[in-house]
C-alpha atoms as a PDB file:
ATOM      1  CA  MET A   1       0.002  -0.006   0.015  1.00  0.00           C
ATOM      2  CA  ALA A   2       2.840   2.386   0.834  1.00  0.00           C
ATOM      3  CA  GLU A   3       4.396   1.696  -2.566  1.00  0.00           C
ATOM      4  CA  LEU A   4       1.101   2.389  -4.271  1.00  0.00           C
ATOM      5  CA  ALA A   5       0.748   5.668  -2.342  1.00  0.00           C
ATOM      6  CA  ASP A   6       4.291   6.689  -3.326  1.00  0.00           C
ATOM      7  CA  ALA A   7       3.550   5.884  -6.956  1.00  0.00           C
ATOM      8  CA  ALA A   8       0.358   7.918  -6.786  1.00  0.00           C
ATOM      9  CA  ASP A   9       2.258  10.858  -5.286  1.00  0.00           C
ATOM     10  CA  LEU A  10       4.882  10.646  -8.028  1.00  0.00           C
ATOM     11  CA  LYS A  11       2.185  10.537 -10.696  1.00  0.00           C
ATOM     12  CA  SER A  12       0.486  13.585  -9.171  1.00  0.00           C
ATOM     13  CA  ALA A  13       3.772  15.435  -8.994  1.00  0.00           C
ATOM     14  CA  GLY A  14       4.459  14.552 -12.627  1.00  0.00           C
ATOM     15  CA  ALA A  15       0.995  15.748 -13.638  1.00  0.00           C
ATOM     16  CA  ILE A  16       1.605  19.053 -11.863  1.00  0.00           C
ATOM     17  CA  LEU A  17       4.960  19.510 -13.566  1.00  0.00           C
ATOM     18  CA  VAL A  18       3.601  18.624 -16.989  1.00  0.00           C
ATOM     19  CA  GLY A  19       0.599  20.843 -16.439  1.00  0.00           C
ATOM     20  CA  SER A  20       2.716  23.821 -15.376  1.00  0.00           C
ATOM     21  CA  SER A  21       5.294  23.667 -18.181  1.00  0.00           C
ATOM     22  CA  PRO A  22       3.042  24.999 -20.977  1.00  0.00           C
ATOM     23  CA  THR A  23       2.439  28.162 -18.971  1.00  0.00           C
ATOM     24  CA  LEU A  24       6.151  28.765 -18.610  1.00  0.00           C
ATOM     25  CA  GLY A  25       6.680  28.065 -22.294  1.00  0.00           C
ATOM     26  CA  THR A  26       3.894  30.468 -23.225  1.00  0.00           C
ATOM     27  CA  ASN A  27       5.399  33.255 -21.138  1.00  0.00           C
ATOM     28  CA  GLN A  28       8.780  32.595 -22.768  1.00  0.00           C
ATOM     29  CA  ARG A  29       7.191  32.776 -26.229  1.00  0.00           C
ATOM     30  CA  ILE A  30       5.500  36.055 -25.338  1.00  0.00           C
ATOM     31  CA  ASN A  31       8.632  37.660 -23.911  1.00  0.00           C
ATOM     32  CA  MET A  32      11.154  36.333 -26.426  1.00  0.00           C
ATOM     33  CA  PRO A  33      10.180  38.583 -29.410  1.00  0.00           C
ATOM     34  CA  TRP A  34      10.433  41.754 -27.355  1.00  0.00           C
ATOM     35  CA  LEU A  35      13.808  40.716 -25.921  1.00  0.00           C
ATOM     36  CA  ILE A  36      15.088  40.088 -29.453  1.00  0.00           C
ATOM     37  CA  VAL A  37      13.747  43.450 -30.659  1.00  0.00           C
ATOM     38  CA  LEU A  38      15.474  45.120 -27.694  1.00  0.00           C
ATOM     39  CA  LEU A  39      18.693  43.290 -28.534  1.00  0.00           C
ATOM     40  CA  GLY A  40      18.411  44.541 -32.121  1.00  0.00           C
ATOM     41  CA  TYR A  41      18.127  48.132 -30.836  1.00  0.00           C
ATOM     42  CA  LEU A  42      21.144  47.705 -28.566  1.00  0.00           C
ATOM     43  CA  LEU A  43      23.198  46.219 -31.432  1.00  0.00           C
ATOM     44  CA  GLY A  44      22.253  49.162 -33.665  1.00  0.00           C
ATOM     45  CA  SER A  45      23.185  51.571 -30.879  1.00  0.00           C
ATOM     46  CA  ILE A  46      26.868  50.573 -30.944  1.00  0.00           C
ATOM     47  CA  PRO A  47      28.365  53.871 -32.195  1.00  0.00           C
ATOM     48  CA  THR A  48      30.976  52.594 -34.647  1.00  0.00           C
ATOM     49  CA  ALA A  49      31.912  55.944 -36.245  1.00  0.00           C
ATOM     50  CA  TYR A  50      31.911  57.663 -32.864  1.00  0.00           C
ATOM     51  CA  ILE A  51      34.383  55.091 -31.504  1.00  0.00           C
ATOM     52  CA  ALA A  52      36.533  55.399 -34.663  1.00  0.00           C
ATOM     53  CA  GLY A  53      36.650  59.169 -34.298  1.00  0.00           C
ATOM     54  CA  HIS A  54      37.882  58.957 -30.740  1.00  0.00           C
ATOM     55  CA  LEU A  55      40.402  56.205 -31.456  1.00  0.00           C
ATOM     56  CA  LEU A  56      41.899  57.846 -34.576  1.00  0.00           C
ATOM     57  CA  LYS A  57      41.639  61.565 -33.831  1.00  0.00           C
ATOM     58  CA  GLY A  58      40.421  61.865 -30.274  1.00  0.00           C
ATOM     59  CA  ARG A  59      37.306  63.748 -31.490  1.00  0.00           C
ATOM     60  CA  ASP A  60      33.599  63.254 -31.736  1.00  0.00           C
ATOM     61  CA  ILE A  61      32.749  62.473 -35.382  1.00  0.00           C
ATOM     62  CA  ARG A  62      29.472  64.353 -34.897  1.00  0.00           C
ATOM     63  CA  GLN A  63      31.531  67.545 -34.500  1.00  0.00           C
ATOM     64  CA  MET A  64      33.392  66.927 -37.748  1.00  0.00           C
ATOM     65  CA  GLY A  65      32.399  67.358 -41.404  1.00  0.00           C
ATOM     66  CA  ASP A  66      28.649  67.161 -41.945  1.00  0.00           C
ATOM     67  CA  GLY A  67      28.107  65.980 -38.356  1.00  0.00           C
ATOM     68  CA  ASN A  68      26.689  62.635 -39.400  1.00  0.00           C
ATOM     69  CA  MET A  69      27.786  59.540 -37.469  1.00  0.00           C
ATOM     70  CA  GLY A  70      28.083  57.332 -40.514  1.00  0.00           C
ATOM     71  CA  ALA A  71      30.467  55.727 -42.965  1.00  0.00           C
ATOM     72  CA  ALA A  72      30.485  58.584 -45.503  1.00  0.00           C
ATOM     73  CA  ASN A  73      31.462  61.239 -42.970  1.00  0.00           C
ATOM     74  CA  THR A  74      34.030  58.856 -41.483  1.00  0.00           C
ATOM     75  CA  PHE A  75      35.460  58.302 -44.976  1.00  0.00           C
ATOM     76  CA  HIS A  76      35.908  62.018 -45.549  1.00  0.00           C
ATOM     77  CA  GLN A  77      37.166  62.912 -42.042  1.00  0.00           C
ATOM     78  CA  LEU A  78      39.152  59.871 -40.957  1.00  0.00           C
ATOM     79  CA  GLY A  79      40.225  58.282 -44.253  1.00  0.00           C
ATOM     80  CA  ALA A  80      39.120  55.605 -46.674  1.00  0.00           C
ATOM     81  CA  ASN A  81      40.092  52.632 -44.514  1.00  0.00           C
ATOM     82  CA  ALA A  82      38.167  53.944 -41.523  1.00  0.00           C
ATOM     83  CA  GLY A  83      35.137  54.759 -43.666  1.00  0.00           C
ATOM     84  CA  ILE A  84      35.033  51.339 -45.301  1.00  0.00           C
ATOM     85  CA  ALA A  85      35.504  49.606 -41.928  1.00  0.00           C
ATOM     86  CA  VAL A  86      32.662  51.628 -40.361  1.00  0.00           C
ATOM     87  CA  PHE A  87      30.377  50.780 -43.289  1.00  0.00           C
ATOM     88  CA  PHE A  88      30.963  47.034 -42.907  1.00  0.00           C
ATOM     89  CA  VAL A  89      30.589  47.085 -39.140  1.00  0.00           C
ATOM     90  CA  ASP A  90      27.393  49.124 -39.325  1.00  0.00           C
ATOM     91  CA  ALA A  91      25.960  46.901 -42.069  1.00  0.00           C
ATOM     92  CA  SER A  92      26.917  43.865 -39.952  1.00  0.00           C
ATOM     93  CA  LYS A  93      24.921  45.261 -37.000  1.00  0.00           C
ATOM     94  CA  GLY A  94      21.774  45.193 -39.115  1.00  0.00           C
ATOM     95  CA  ALA A  95      22.525  41.775 -40.577  1.00  0.00           C
ATOM     96  CA  LEU A  96      23.372  40.278 -37.192  1.00  0.00           C
ATOM     97  CA  ALA A  97      20.143  41.561 -35.658  1.00  0.00           C
ATOM     98  CA  ILE A  98      18.147  39.752 -38.360  1.00  0.00           C
ATOM     99  CA  LEU A  99      20.205  36.563 -38.091  1.00  0.00           C
ATOM    100  CA  ILE A 100      19.730  36.449 -34.330  1.00  0.00           C
ATOM    101  CA  ALA A 101      15.974  37.001 -34.732  1.00  0.00           C
ATOM    102  CA  GLN A 102      15.714  34.245 -37.321  1.00  0.00           C
ATOM    103  CA  ALA A 103      17.752  31.873 -35.135  1.00  0.00           C
ATOM    104  CA  ALA A 104      15.394  32.593 -32.240  1.00  0.00           C
ATOM    105  CA  ASN A 105      12.552  31.270 -34.412  1.00  0.00           C
ATOM    106  CA  ILE A 106      10.248  34.190 -33.711  1.00  0.00           C
ATOM    107  CA  ASN A 107       7.483  35.222 -36.078  1.00  0.00           C
ATOM    108  CA  GLN A 108       8.140  37.299 -39.212  1.00  0.00           C
ATOM    109  CA  ALA A 109       6.635  40.486 -37.789  1.00  0.00           C
ATOM    110  CA  ALA A 110       9.011  40.360 -34.814  1.00  0.00           C
ATOM    111  CA  ILE A 111      11.938  39.716 -37.135  1.00  0.00           C
ATOM    112  CA  LEU A 112      11.033  42.803 -39.170  1.00  0.00           C
ATOM    113  CA  PHE A 113      10.663  44.868 -36.003  1.00  0.00           C
ATOM    114  CA  THR A 114      14.112  43.695 -34.908  1.00  0.00           C
ATOM    115  CA  GLY A 115      15.663  44.924 -38.144  1.00  0.00           C
ATOM    116  CA  ALA A 116      13.863  48.278 -37.776  1.00  0.00           C
ATOM    117  CA  ALA A 117      15.009  48.484 -34.148  1.00  0.00           C
ATOM    118  CA  ALA A 118      18.643  48.049 -35.266  1.00  0.00           C
ATOM    119  CA  VAL A 119      18.294  50.972 -37.690  1.00  0.00           C
ATOM    120  CA  ILE A 120      16.558  53.060 -35.031  1.00  0.00           C
ATOM    121  CA  GLY A 121      19.359  52.201 -32.604  1.00  0.00           C
ATOM    122  CA  HIS A 122      21.935  53.426 -35.116  1.00  0.00           C
ATOM    123  CA  ASN A 123      20.017  56.650 -35.719  1.00  0.00           C
ATOM    124  CA  TRP A 124      19.181  57.299 -32.042  1.00  0.00           C
ATOM    125  CA  PRO A 125      21.769  55.333 -30.001  1.00  0.00           C
ATOM    126  CA  VAL A 126      21.102  55.101 -26.284  1.00  0.00           C
ATOM    127  CA  PHE A 127      24.827  54.996 -25.479  1.00  0.00           C
ATOM    128  CA  ILE A 128      25.665  58.528 -26.737  1.00  0.00           C
ATOM    129  CA  GLY A 129      22.644  60.665 -26.135  1.00  0.00           C
ATOM    130  CA  PHE A 130      20.342  59.462 -28.900  1.00  0.00           C
ATOM    131  CA  ARG A 131      22.156  61.331 -31.693  1.00  0.00           C
ATOM    132  CA  GLY A 132      23.573  59.004 -34.281  1.00  0.00           C
ATOM    133  CA  GLY A 133      23.669  58.540 -38.040  1.00  0.00           C
ATOM    134  CA  ARG A 134      21.145  58.264 -40.856  1.00  0.00           C
ATOM    135  CA  GLY A 135      21.041  54.485 -41.001  1.00  0.00           C
ATOM    136  CA  GLU A 136      21.987  53.700 -44.628  1.00  0.00           C
ATOM    137  CA  SER A 137      24.599  51.077 -43.705  1.00  0.00           C
ATOM    138  CA  ALA A 138      22.457  49.372 -41.071  1.00  0.00           C
ATOM    139  CA  THR A 139      19.503  49.361 -43.482  1.00  0.00           C
ATOM    140  CA  ILE A 140      21.646  47.768 -46.188  1.00  0.00           C
ATOM    141  CA  GLY A 141      22.674  45.023 -43.748  1.00  0.00           C
ATOM    142  CA  VAL A 142      19.087  44.344 -42.717  1.00  0.00           C
ATOM    143  CA  LEU A 143      17.719  44.263 -46.286  1.00  0.00           C
ATOM    144  CA  LEU A 144      20.667  42.289 -47.648  1.00  0.00           C
ATOM    145  CA  THR A 145      19.822  39.560 -45.137  1.00  0.00           C
ATOM    146  CA  LEU A 146      16.090  39.616 -45.758  1.00  0.00           C
ATOM    147  CA  VAL A 147      15.892  40.201 -49.540  1.00  0.00           C
ATOM    148  CA  THR A 148      19.337  39.095 -50.610  1.00  0.00           C
ATOM    149  CA  GLN A 149      18.791  38.572 -54.332  1.00  0.00           C
ATOM    150  CA  PRO A 150      17.085  41.935 -55.033  1.00  0.00           C
ATOM    151  CA  MET A 151      19.795  43.758 -53.061  1.00  0.00           C
ATOM    152  CA  LEU A 152      22.563  42.001 -54.958  1.00  0.00           C
ATOM    153  CA  ILE A 153      20.938  42.853 -58.301  1.00  0.00           C
ATOM    154  CA  LEU A 154      20.816  46.549 -57.392  1.00  0.00           C
ATOM    155  CA  ALA A 155      24.236  46.614 -55.745  1.00  0.00           C
ATOM    156  CA  GLY A 156      26.021  46.916 -59.084  1.00  0.00           C
ATOM    157  CA  PRO A 157      24.182  50.053 -60.314  1.00  0.00           C
ATOM    158  CA  ALA A 158      24.379  51.597 -56.831  1.00  0.00           C
ATOM    159  CA  LEU A 159      28.151  51.058 -56.568  1.00  0.00           C
ATOM    160  CA  ALA A 160      28.683  52.380 -60.099  1.00  0.00           C
ATOM    161  CA  THR A 161      26.703  55.506 -59.174  1.00  0.00           C
ATOM    162  CA  LEU A 162      28.742  55.938 -56.026  1.00  0.00           C
ATOM    163  CA  PHE A 163      32.060  55.749 -57.947  1.00  0.00           C
ATOM    164  CA  ILE A 164      30.852  58.132 -60.695  1.00  0.00           C
ATOM    165  CA  LYS A 165      28.945  60.712 -58.653  1.00  0.00           C
ATOM    166  CA  ARG A 166      30.822  60.365 -55.366  1.00  0.00           C
ATOM    167  CA  ASN A 167      27.498  60.978 -53.622  1.00  0.00           C
ATOM    168  CA  VAL A 168      26.104  58.523 -51.065  1.00  0.00           C
ATOM    169  CA  ILE A 169      22.596  60.027 -51.212  1.00  0.00           C
ATOM    170  CA  ILE A 170      22.273  59.498 -54.970  1.00  0.00           C
ATOM    171  CA  ALA A 171      23.733  56.000 -54.706  1.00  0.00           C
ATOM    172  CA  SER A 172      21.257  55.198 -51.922  1.00  0.00           C
ATOM    173  CA  CYS A 173      18.397  56.346 -54.155  1.00  0.00           C
ATOM    174  CA  VAL A 174      19.602  54.046 -56.940  1.00  0.00           C
ATOM    175  CA  LEU A 175      19.659  51.176 -54.475  1.00  0.00           C
ATOM    176  CA  PHE A 176      16.477  51.790 -52.510  1.00  0.00           C
ATOM    177  CA  ILE A 177      13.943  53.357 -54.897  1.00  0.00           C
ATOM    178  CA  PRO A 178      13.671  50.395 -57.352  1.00  0.00           C
ATOM    179  CA  LEU A 179      14.043  47.803 -54.597  1.00  0.00           C
ATOM    180  CA  PRO A 180      10.310  47.202 -54.005  1.00  0.00           C
ATOM    181  CA  LEU A 181       9.798  46.623 -57.730  1.00  0.00           C
ATOM    182  CA  VAL A 182      12.668  44.136 -57.900  1.00  0.00           C
ATOM    183  CA  CYS A 183      11.309  42.367 -54.773  1.00  0.00           C
ATOM    184  CA  TRP A 184       7.875  42.136 -56.449  1.00  0.00           C
ATOM    185  CA  TRP A 185       9.424  40.938 -59.718  1.00  0.00           C
ATOM    186  CA  LEU A 186      11.238  38.120 -57.877  1.00  0.00           C
ATOM    187  CA  GLY A 187       8.119  37.070 -55.979  1.00  0.00           C
ATOM    188  CA  ALA A 188       8.811  38.397 -52.502  1.00  0.00           C
ATOM    189  CA  SER A 189       5.976  38.458 -50.003  1.00  0.00           C
ATOM    190  CA  GLY A 190       3.809  41.544 -49.547  1.00  0.00           C
ATOM    191  CA  ALA A 191       5.299  42.038 -46.076  1.00  0.00           C
ATOM    192  CA  LEU A 192       8.847  42.137 -47.428  1.00  0.00           C
ATOM    193  CA  ILE A 193       7.893  44.428 -50.288  1.00  0.00           C
ATOM    194  CA  SER A 194       6.275  46.873 -47.833  1.00  0.00           C
ATOM    195  CA  TYR A 195       9.296  46.583 -45.560  1.00  0.00           C
ATOM    196  CA  SER A 196      11.644  47.368 -48.457  1.00  0.00           C
ATOM    197  CA  ILE A 197       9.717  50.647 -48.805  1.00  0.00           C
ATOM    198  CA  ALA A 198       9.320  51.482 -45.109  1.00  0.00           C
ATOM    199  CA  LEU A 199      12.912  50.982 -43.943  1.00  0.00           C
ATOM    200  CA  PRO A 200      14.515  53.238 -46.576  1.00  0.00           C
ATOM    201  CA  CYS A 201      11.792  55.805 -45.777  1.00  0.00           C
ATOM    202  CA  LEU A 202      13.055  55.774 -42.205  1.00  0.00           C
ATOM    203  CA  VAL A 203      16.514  56.593 -43.566  1.00  0.00           C
ATOM    204  CA  GLY A 204      15.073  59.417 -45.695  1.00  0.00           C
ATOM    205  CA  PHE A 205      13.104  60.808 -42.750  1.00  0.00           C
ATOM    206  CA  THR A 206      16.158  60.808 -40.556  1.00  0.00           C
ATOM    207  CA  HIS A 207      18.201  62.545 -43.266  1.00  0.00           C
ATOM    208  CA  PHE A 208      15.443  65.177 -43.648  1.00  0.00           C
ATOM    209  CA  ILE A 209      15.206  66.069 -39.967  1.00  0.00           C
ATOM    210  CA  ARG A 210      19.013  66.117 -39.566  1.00  0.00           C
ATOM    211  CA  THR A 211      19.432  68.336 -42.635  1.00  0.00           C
ATOM    212  CA  LYS A 212      16.617  70.668 -41.498  1.00  0.00           C
ATOM    213  CA  ARG A 213      18.218  70.950 -38.025  1.00  0.00           C
ATOM    214  CA  THR A 214      21.596  71.808 -39.605  1.00  0.00           C
ATOM    215  CA  VAL A 215      20.034  74.478 -41.828  1.00  0.00           C
ATOM    216  CA  ASP A 216      18.078  75.967 -38.940  1.00  0.00           C
ATOM    217  CA  THR A 217      21.245  76.070 -36.796  1.00  0.00           C
ATOM    218  CA  SER A 218      23.201  77.757 -39.625  1.00  0.00           C
ATOM    219  CA  ARG A 219      20.491  80.369 -40.058  1.00  0.00           C
ATOM    220  CA  ALA A 220      20.379  81.031 -36.327  1.00  0.00           C
ATOM    221  CA  GLY A 221      24.147  81.426 -36.257  1.00  0.00           C
ATOM    222  CA  GLY A 222      24.034  83.883 -39.123  1.00  0.00           C
ATOM    223  CA  THR A 223      21.522  86.192 -37.587  1.00  0.00           C
END
């Protein structure tokens, strides 16, 4: 009888454990996407150009050149090697955020939010007072990971434009403007097509507000 009672107790304990585990798993599934999105933001917030400016010249890159914390300004102010290195690191931040989100097996919407969070982190980094870059490099990393073939198709014309015009903004337009059409042509999902529009728009919006702020400051200084 004692053995039967012990067996019954073990069975009850097992039932409790089995019954309680789905609740824990559900909570983990609910929290996981938001933790991954937060991680994406923190990855994007790593201020690559800012660090390069302090290491190479002991100055804040945001106080040099056009004031942008990005690869192009780094290229002009700190040299070609520094600019290229900053571009690849910033692009890698966006790509890594997406790869981590995909490895975590979260839903597509959360993966897309994670990529956007990485770009937002680059543009408004928590580590240096929420004043960062425009997000072109991080956006390229995100989109190259999500819509690889369309990005590779457009990389050639964009790079040619960059070499000929020496203008990152024009090259970005060549890369980003036709991207949704190429995604559609290659059969990408509606969500990815919309995302290929929305993320570059975030870059454009950031560029607009930063340019407007610079113009307003210049006008105020001239009066």
